[in-house]
Amino acid sequence: MEFHLFLYLAAIFAAGYGSKVLTTTLKIPEVTGYVLLGVLLGGSLVNLLSTQVLDILSPLSSIALALIAFMIGIELKIDVIRRLGRSIITIVTFECIGAFLVVFFGLFYVFKTNLNTALLLGSVASATAPAATVAVIKQYKAKGVLTSTILAVVGIDDAFALIIYVFVESFVSSNLLGSSLAIGPMVASALLSVAIALGLGAVSGVLYILLLRGRRNNDWVMLLLAAFLFLLLGVCELLGVSELLSIMAFGMTIVNSSAVLSKKSETVVSSFSPVFLVAFFILGGAHLDVSLITQIGMLGLFYFAARSIGKVGGATFGALVGRAPKKVRFLIGFSLLPQVGVALALALAINKTFSAPAFGETGQQLASMIINVLLFTTIITEVVGPLLTRLALRKAGETNEQI
């Protein structure tokens, strides 16, 4: 079938509409339905969204991630973070390190994988994708201390995950090439990458506010917001730094500098973000190759279980150490399981890095194993994660489901 962009987009959004009707009737999170729909439409089953089609439509996912990062940033108000500050830092620290350690030691000592596989999967395990969590919070119009804590944690989480990944990627690269490992340059590279991303976002936020000073109409806001989001996506990609961190810093700068402009910006994003979010989750689900499940099924399930234990256990322990409110202590961990987006991006980065000729066949096998495990478990986390997030928010009494 010849590719026709508009017909494919029409099919995706029409199917998304049907999924929304069905999930509303069944009273389950919309995200879960979109991901399962993507699996159905992917190359393994219906094959409407083949690998070639997914490559062509990949910019939709990048735009969706930019909107998600902005929505997180716009929620990171300094006064709220200051009030919850200690608990947020301890939760992020322990859930990231907990996931990394449990997955690494579990895979290496219990499942008996090789050192490089265990390290890379452990590093990716520390990432928590904000997309599904934010979508559930928006769907149920959740507000409260748990909601604020979740948004802050998933926003900051990526910085920790990226730092862990940079260290591990450098170690594994050196290990495969048989070269010596320089700790100093590794640390400097990781810190510089994070600093550049945050700096770009903060500077862009200041320019955005200055350029819109005195402009009241939402049309001005929409045009400039689109310009800055695309600018940050492009510049970060060219520099090889995190788009998510940069755009999150952009949103955070705005919300803490201009309450009026942040409200207008949030209104603008809310008006068109559903279109891109629906495409993001459907396209994410379509990446799964169902035929590979028998090959990586047990490893994938073990990884999922180990990561869940590390995330929930680490977040709970961090909340206790940080003296978070009681309902946050025992519910926060269940909102940190989704892993599409950032983890998928890291998996693709691993695939690109270690498929290079310099790493030979060993590197290619390693890259293939990592990306297949991540794609398999991503579907599980995107189905189970939103359900657990909704459960946690309900238990905390922070959902509004009368709508």
Protein backbone atom coordinates (compact mmCIF):
# COMPACT_ATOMS: atom_id res chain seq x y z
CA MET A 1 0.00 0.00 0.00
CA GLU A 2 1.38 3.39 -1.01
CA PHE A 3 2.05 5.71 1.92
CA HIS A 4 -0.23 8.73 2.07
CA LEU A 5 0.41 10.91 5.11
CA PHE A 6 -3.07 12.39 5.47
CA LEU A 7 -4.85 9.05 5.13
CA TYR A 8 -2.62 7.50 7.79
CA LEU A 9 -3.20 10.44 10.13
CA ALA A 10 -6.95 10.18 9.52
CA ALA A 11 -6.85 6.46 10.36
CA ILE A 12 -4.82 7.05 13.53
CA PHE A 13 -7.09 9.77 14.90
CA ALA A 14 -10.31 7.97 13.90
CA ALA A 15 -9.06 4.83 15.66
CA GLY A 16 -8.08 6.99 18.64
CA TYR A 17 -11.61 8.38 18.78
CA GLY A 18 -13.01 4.84 18.79
CA SER A 19 -10.59 3.88 21.57
CA LYS A 20 -11.64 6.89 23.65
CA VAL A 21 -15.30 5.90 23.32
CA LEU A 22 -14.48 2.34 24.39
CA THR A 23 -12.25 3.26 27.35
CA THR A 24 -14.80 5.80 28.58
CA THR A 25 -17.50 3.11 28.47
CA LEU A 26 -15.27 0.60 30.29
CA LYS A 27 -14.05 3.28 32.71
CA ILE A 28 -10.33 2.58 32.21
CA PRO A 29 -7.54 5.12 31.56
CA GLU A 30 -7.49 6.35 27.96
CA VAL A 31 -3.72 5.84 27.74
CA THR A 32 -4.11 2.08 28.21
CA GLY A 33 -6.55 1.90 25.31
CA TYR A 34 -4.33 3.96 23.00
CA VAL A 35 -1.28 1.77 23.66
CA LEU A 36 -3.18 -1.48 23.09
CA LEU A 37 -4.66 0.02 19.91
CA GLY A 38 -1.12 0.79 18.76
CA VAL A 39 -0.08 -2.84 19.34
CA LEU A 40 -3.05 -3.97 17.24
CA LEU A 41 -2.25 -1.57 14.38
CA GLY A 42 1.51 -2.26 14.49
CA GLY A 43 3.64 -4.36 12.18
CA SER A 44 3.11 -7.56 14.18
CA LEU A 45 -0.67 -7.72 13.68
CA VAL A 46 -2.71 -5.48 11.32
CA ASN A 47 0.50 -3.88 9.93
CA LEU A 48 -1.12 -0.51 9.26
CA LEU A 49 1.73 1.12 11.18
CA SER A 50 4.77 -0.67 9.77
CA THR A 51 8.35 0.18 10.72
CA GLN A 52 8.68 2.44 7.68
CA VAL A 53 5.49 4.31 8.55
CA LEU A 54 6.61 4.71 12.18
CA ASP A 55 9.90 6.23 11.02
CA ILE A 56 8.05 8.78 8.86
CA LEU A 57 5.62 9.67 11.66
CA SER A 58 8.30 9.87 14.39
CA PRO A 59 8.23 13.73 14.49
CA LEU A 60 4.72 13.45 15.99
CA SER A 61 6.20 11.65 18.99
CA SER A 62 8.91 14.32 19.39
CA ILE A 63 6.28 17.08 19.43
CA ALA A 64 4.21 15.15 21.97
CA LEU A 65 7.24 14.74 24.24
CA ALA A 66 7.89 18.48 23.99
CA LEU A 67 4.32 19.24 25.08
CA ILE A 68 4.57 16.72 27.92
CA ALA A 69 7.83 18.24 29.14
CA PHE A 70 6.29 21.73 29.01
CA MET A 71 3.22 20.58 30.97
CA ILE A 72 5.51 19.18 33.66
CA GLY A 73 7.64 22.32 33.77
CA ILE A 74 4.61 24.58 34.10
CA GLU A 75 3.62 22.63 37.23
CA LEU A 76 7.01 23.01 38.93
CA LYS A 77 6.27 26.05 41.07
CA ILE A 78 9.12 26.94 43.39
CA ASP A 79 6.83 27.54 46.36
CA VAL A 80 5.33 24.04 45.99
CA ILE A 81 8.76 22.43 45.53
CA ARG A 82 10.07 24.35 48.55
CA ARG A 83 7.17 23.04 50.62
CA LEU A 84 7.74 19.46 49.45
CA GLY A 85 11.44 19.94 48.60
CA ARG A 86 13.18 17.48 50.88
CA SER A 87 10.77 14.65 50.16
CA ILE A 88 10.95 15.19 46.37
CA ILE A 89 14.75 14.99 46.32
CA THR A 90 14.86 11.88 48.51
CA ILE A 91 12.09 10.16 46.50
CA VAL A 92 13.82 10.85 43.17
CA THR A 93 17.23 9.77 44.49
CA PHE A 94 16.09 6.50 46.02
CA GLU A 95 13.66 5.47 43.27
CA CYS A 96 16.27 6.07 40.53
CA ILE A 97 19.13 4.36 42.37
CA GLY A 98 16.79 1.65 43.67
CA ALA A 99 15.59 0.73 40.17
CA PHE A 100 19.16 0.73 38.83
CA LEU A 101 20.57 -1.44 41.61
CA VAL A 102 17.72 -3.96 41.82
CA VAL A 103 17.68 -4.47 38.03
CA PHE A 104 21.48 -4.64 37.75
CA PHE A 105 22.05 -7.07 40.63
CA GLY A 106 18.95 -9.10 39.76
CA LEU A 107 19.97 -9.56 36.11
CA PHE A 108 23.67 -10.13 36.81
CA TYR A 109 23.51 -12.39 39.87
CA VAL A 110 20.08 -14.03 39.61
CA PHE A 111 19.25 -14.11 35.88
CA LYS A 112 22.95 -14.53 35.00
CA THR A 113 23.09 -12.05 32.09
CA ASN A 114 26.46 -10.59 31.11
CA LEU A 115 27.78 -7.47 32.83
CA ASN A 116 27.17 -5.07 29.93
CA THR A 117 23.53 -6.12 29.46
CA ALA A 118 22.83 -5.85 33.18
CA LEU A 119 24.42 -2.39 33.40
CA LEU A 120 22.60 -0.95 30.37
CA LEU A 121 19.19 -2.33 31.35
CA GLY A 122 19.79 -1.10 34.91
CA SER A 123 20.57 2.40 33.67
CA VAL A 124 17.45 2.54 31.47
CA ALA A 125 15.35 1.19 34.36
CA SER A 126 16.00 4.37 36.35
CA ALA A 127 14.03 6.48 33.84
CA THR A 128 10.35 7.19 34.43
CA ALA A 129 8.34 8.38 31.43
CA PRO A 130 6.09 11.31 32.31
CA ALA A 131 3.73 10.96 29.33
CA ALA A 132 1.32 8.33 30.66
CA THR A 133 1.32 9.73 34.19
CA VAL A 134 0.59 13.27 33.01
CA ALA A 135 -2.16 11.97 30.71
CA VAL A 136 -3.90 10.18 33.60
CA ILE A 137 -3.61 13.25 35.84
CA LYS A 138 -5.14 15.42 33.11
CA GLN A 139 -7.90 12.92 32.30
CA TYR A 140 -9.07 12.74 35.92
CA LYS A 141 -8.30 16.42 36.64
CA ALA A 142 -6.31 15.37 39.70
CA LYS A 143 -5.12 17.99 42.18
CA GLY A 144 -3.51 17.70 45.59
CA VAL A 145 -0.26 16.98 47.42
CA LEU A 146 0.24 13.53 45.80
CA THR A 147 -0.40 14.97 42.33
CA SER A 148 2.08 17.81 42.89
CA THR A 149 4.68 15.37 44.22
CA ILE A 150 4.22 13.01 41.25
CA LEU A 151 4.65 15.83 38.73
CA ALA A 152 7.76 17.13 40.48
CA VAL A 153 9.29 13.64 40.75
CA VAL A 154 8.71 12.64 37.10
CA GLY A 155 10.03 16.03 36.03
CA ILE A 156 13.31 15.79 37.95
CA ASP A 157 13.69 12.03 37.49
CA ASP A 158 15.04 12.35 33.93
CA ALA A 159 18.07 14.36 35.07
CA PHE A 160 19.13 11.56 37.43
CA ALA A 161 18.38 8.86 34.84
CA LEU A 162 20.40 10.63 32.15
CA ILE A 163 23.40 11.04 34.45
CA ILE A 164 23.31 7.33 35.36
CA TYR A 165 23.00 6.40 31.67
CA VAL A 166 25.95 8.57 30.59
CA PHE A 167 28.19 6.89 33.21
CA VAL A 168 27.06 3.38 32.24
CA GLU A 169 27.28 4.00 28.48
CA SER A 170 30.86 5.25 28.88
CA PHE A 171 31.81 2.23 30.99
CA VAL A 172 30.26 -0.31 28.60
CA SER A 173 31.82 1.38 25.57
CA SER A 174 35.25 1.25 27.20
CA ASN A 175 34.64 -2.34 28.25
CA LEU A 176 33.72 -3.48 24.73
CA LEU A 177 36.62 -1.59 23.15
CA GLY A 178 39.08 -2.77 25.79
CA SER A 179 40.16 0.79 26.58
CA SER A 180 40.83 2.37 29.96
CA LEU A 181 38.05 4.12 31.83
CA ALA A 182 38.49 7.79 32.78
CA ILE A 183 36.08 8.65 35.60
CA GLY A 184 36.79 12.39 35.56
CA PRO A 185 35.79 13.05 31.93
CA MET A 186 32.71 10.85 32.40
CA VAL A 187 31.46 12.92 35.34
CA ALA A 188 32.25 16.19 33.56
CA SER A 189 30.42 15.07 30.39
CA ALA A 190 27.28 14.10 32.30
CA LEU A 191 27.14 17.31 34.32
CA LEU A 192 27.85 19.47 31.26
CA SER A 193 25.05 17.78 29.29
CA VAL A 194 22.50 18.45 32.05
CA ALA A 195 23.75 22.02 32.59
CA ILE A 196 23.49 22.87 28.87
CA ALA A 197 19.95 21.50 28.65
CA LEU A 198 18.76 23.39 31.72
CA GLY A 199 20.55 26.57 30.66
CA LEU A 200 18.99 26.56 27.19
CA GLY A 201 15.54 26.13 28.69
CA ALA A 202 15.97 28.87 31.28
CA VAL A 203 17.36 31.41 28.78
CA SER A 204 14.56 30.59 26.32
CA GLY A 205 12.00 31.10 29.07
CA VAL A 206 13.34 34.57 29.85
CA LEU A 207 13.32 35.56 26.14
CA TYR A 208 9.79 34.21 25.75
CA ILE A 209 8.54 36.36 28.63
CA LEU A 210 10.32 39.48 27.35
CA LEU A 211 8.98 39.10 23.81
CA LEU A 212 5.40 38.64 25.00
CA ARG A 213 5.41 41.51 27.46
CA GLY A 214 2.27 43.56 26.86
CA ARG A 215 0.71 41.02 24.47
CA ARG A 216 -2.74 39.94 25.69
CA ASN A 217 -4.11 37.90 22.80
CA ASN A 218 -3.63 34.10 22.92
CA ASP A 219 -2.68 34.09 19.21
CA TRP A 220 0.60 35.83 20.06
CA VAL A 221 1.26 33.27 22.81
CA MET A 222 0.48 30.30 20.55
CA LEU A 223 2.80 31.43 17.75
CA LEU A 224 5.78 32.19 19.98
CA LEU A 225 5.28 29.11 22.15
CA ALA A 226 5.33 26.90 19.05
CA ALA A 227 8.48 28.68 17.83
CA PHE A 228 10.32 28.15 21.11
CA LEU A 229 9.26 24.50 21.53
CA PHE A 230 10.45 23.63 18.01
CA LEU A 231 13.61 25.68 18.52
CA LEU A 232 14.49 23.79 21.72
CA LEU A 233 13.74 20.44 20.09
CA GLY A 234 16.05 21.24 17.19
CA VAL A 235 18.91 22.82 19.14
CA CYS A 236 18.94 20.07 21.79
CA GLU A 237 19.00 17.41 19.09
CA LEU A 238 21.94 19.13 17.37
CA LEU A 239 23.85 19.44 20.65
CA GLY A 240 22.98 15.93 21.83
CA VAL A 241 21.40 17.05 25.13
CA SER A 242 18.03 16.24 26.66
CA GLU A 243 15.07 17.94 25.00
CA LEU A 244 12.87 16.94 27.93
CA LEU A 245 15.09 18.61 30.51
CA SER A 246 15.45 21.74 28.42
CA ILE A 247 11.73 22.20 27.72
CA MET A 248 10.90 21.36 31.34
CA ALA A 249 13.26 24.16 32.43
CA PHE A 250 11.60 26.46 29.85
CA GLY A 251 8.16 25.83 31.38
CA MET A 252 9.47 26.11 34.93
CA THR A 253 11.07 29.49 34.17
CA ILE A 254 7.79 30.82 32.80
CA VAL A 255 5.57 29.64 35.66
CA ASN A 256 7.89 31.10 38.28
CA SER A 257 8.36 34.43 36.47
CA SER A 258 4.91 35.31 35.11
CA ALA A 259 1.72 33.81 36.53
CA VAL A 260 -0.46 35.43 33.84
CA LEU A 261 1.68 34.27 30.92
CA SER A 262 2.06 30.77 32.34
CA LYS A 263 -1.72 30.47 32.59
CA LYS A 264 -2.17 31.64 28.98
CA SER A 265 0.56 29.25 27.80
CA GLU A 266 -1.01 26.34 29.68
CA THR A 267 -4.39 27.12 28.11
CA VAL A 268 -2.86 27.18 24.63
CA VAL A 269 -1.06 23.85 25.13
CA SER A 270 -4.15 22.19 26.60
CA SER A 271 -6.16 23.14 23.53
CA PHE A 272 -4.08 21.19 21.01
CA SER A 273 -2.00 18.70 23.05
CA PRO A 274 -4.64 15.88 22.99
CA VAL A 275 -4.07 15.38 19.24
CA PHE A 276 -0.33 14.79 19.66
CA LEU A 277 -0.68 12.74 22.85
CA VAL A 278 -3.10 10.32 21.19
CA ALA A 279 -0.66 9.85 18.29
CA PHE A 280 2.24 9.44 20.72
CA PHE A 281 0.69 6.54 22.63
CA ILE A 282 -0.66 4.78 19.54
CA LEU A 283 2.70 5.03 17.76
CA GLY A 284 4.49 3.88 20.92
CA GLY A 285 2.35 0.74 21.11
CA ALA A 286 2.91 0.03 17.42
CA HIS A 287 6.67 -0.42 18.00
CA LEU A 288 6.21 -3.80 19.69
CA ASP A 289 7.12 -6.83 17.58
CA VAL A 290 4.83 -9.49 19.05
CA SER A 291 6.85 -12.30 17.42
CA LEU A 292 9.85 -11.47 19.64
CA ILE A 293 7.97 -12.06 22.89
CA THR A 294 8.89 -15.76 22.97
CA GLN A 295 12.59 -14.88 22.61
CA ILE A 296 12.87 -12.19 25.26
CA GLY A 297 9.74 -12.96 27.32
CA MET A 298 11.34 -14.31 30.51
CA LEU A 299 14.13 -11.72 30.51
CA GLY A 300 11.56 -8.98 29.88
CA LEU A 301 9.28 -10.16 32.68
CA PHE A 302 12.21 -10.43 35.10
CA TYR A 303 13.34 -6.91 34.15
CA PHE A 304 9.79 -5.58 34.63
CA ALA A 305 9.46 -7.23 38.06
CA ALA A 306 12.90 -6.08 39.24
CA ARG A 307 12.33 -2.52 38.04
CA SER A 308 8.90 -2.38 39.70
CA ILE A 309 10.39 -3.53 43.01
CA GLY A 310 13.18 -0.97 42.74
CA LYS A 311 10.87 1.89 41.78
CA VAL A 312 8.11 1.24 44.34
CA GLY A 313 10.49 0.27 47.12
CA GLY A 314 12.92 3.12 46.45
CA ALA A 315 10.16 5.76 46.19
CA THR A 316 8.49 4.54 49.39
CA PHE A 317 11.79 4.54 51.28
CA GLY A 318 12.67 7.97 49.91
CA ALA A 319 9.28 9.35 50.96
CA LEU A 320 9.78 7.97 54.47
CA VAL A 321 13.29 9.43 54.74
CA GLY A 322 12.07 12.76 53.36
CA ARG A 323 9.10 12.78 55.76
CA ALA A 324 6.57 13.20 52.98
CA PRO A 325 2.85 13.38 53.87
CA LYS A 326 1.44 9.97 54.82
CA LYS A 327 -0.59 9.39 51.66
CA VAL A 328 2.45 10.23 49.53
CA ARG A 329 4.67 7.71 51.35
CA PHE A 330 2.69 4.64 50.40
CA LEU A 331 1.19 5.69 47.04
CA ILE A 332 3.92 7.58 45.15
CA GLY A 333 5.76 4.45 43.97
CA PHE A 334 2.76 3.11 42.07
CA SER A 335 2.75 6.19 39.81
CA LEU A 336 6.32 5.76 38.57
CA LEU A 337 6.11 2.57 36.49
CA PRO A 338 5.34 3.87 32.94
CA GLN A 339 8.47 3.84 30.77
CA VAL A 340 7.62 4.92 27.23
CA GLY A 341 9.31 8.05 25.88
CA VAL A 342 12.55 8.61 27.78
CA ALA A 343 13.39 4.91 28.14
CA LEU A 344 12.50 4.28 24.50
CA ALA A 345 14.71 7.19 23.51
CA LEU A 346 17.56 5.73 25.57
CA ALA A 347 16.96 2.30 24.01
CA LEU A 348 17.21 3.84 20.54
CA ALA A 349 20.38 5.67 21.61
CA ILE A 350 21.86 2.35 22.80
CA ASN A 351 20.88 0.75 19.51
CA LYS A 352 22.52 3.55 17.52
CA THR A 353 25.70 3.61 19.64
CA PHE A 354 26.46 -0.09 19.95
CA SER A 355 25.39 -1.04 16.41
CA ALA A 356 28.37 0.96 15.16
CA PRO A 357 31.04 -1.11 13.35
CA ALA A 358 33.60 -0.36 16.08
CA PHE A 359 31.74 -2.61 18.53
CA GLY A 360 31.43 -5.51 16.09
CA GLU A 361 28.92 -8.34 16.35
CA THR A 362 28.97 -8.28 20.16
CA GLY A 363 27.78 -4.68 20.17
CA GLN A 364 25.03 -5.40 17.63
CA GLN A 365 23.72 -8.35 19.65
CA LEU A 366 23.78 -6.25 22.81
CA ALA A 367 21.89 -3.41 21.11
CA SER A 368 19.27 -5.79 19.68
CA MET A 369 18.70 -7.46 23.06
CA ILE A 370 18.30 -4.14 24.91
CA ILE A 371 15.85 -2.54 22.47
CA ASN A 372 13.64 -5.66 22.24
CA VAL A 373 13.42 -6.03 26.02
CA LEU A 374 12.56 -2.33 26.37
CA LEU A 375 9.87 -2.44 23.67
CA PHE A 376 8.30 -5.54 25.23
CA THR A 377 8.25 -4.18 28.79
CA THR A 378 7.20 -0.70 27.67
CA ILE A 379 3.85 -2.13 26.58
CA ILE A 380 3.41 -3.81 29.96
CA THR A 381 4.24 -0.61 31.86
CA GLU A 382 1.94 1.47 29.65
CA VAL A 383 -0.96 -0.88 30.31
CA VAL A 384 -0.35 -1.51 34.02
CA GLY A 385 1.16 1.90 34.90
CA PRO A 386 -1.84 4.14 34.14
CA LEU A 387 -4.17 1.77 36.02
CA LEU A 388 -1.93 1.93 39.12
CA THR A 389 -1.56 5.72 38.80
CA ARG A 390 -5.34 6.11 38.74
CA LEU A 391 -5.64 3.77 41.75
CA ALA A 392 -3.08 5.81 43.71
CA LEU A 393 -4.79 9.12 42.89
CA ARG A 394 -8.17 7.69 43.86
CA LYS A 395 -6.81 6.36 47.15
CA ALA A 396 -5.41 9.82 47.86
CA GLY A 397 -8.82 11.36 47.06
CA GLU A 398 -7.36 13.67 44.41
CA THR A 399 -9.36 12.69 41.30
CA ASN A 400 -12.38 14.48 39.91
CA GLU A 401 -14.39 11.89 37.95
CA GLN A 402 -17.70 13.68 37.75
CA ILE A 403 -16.79 14.88 34.25
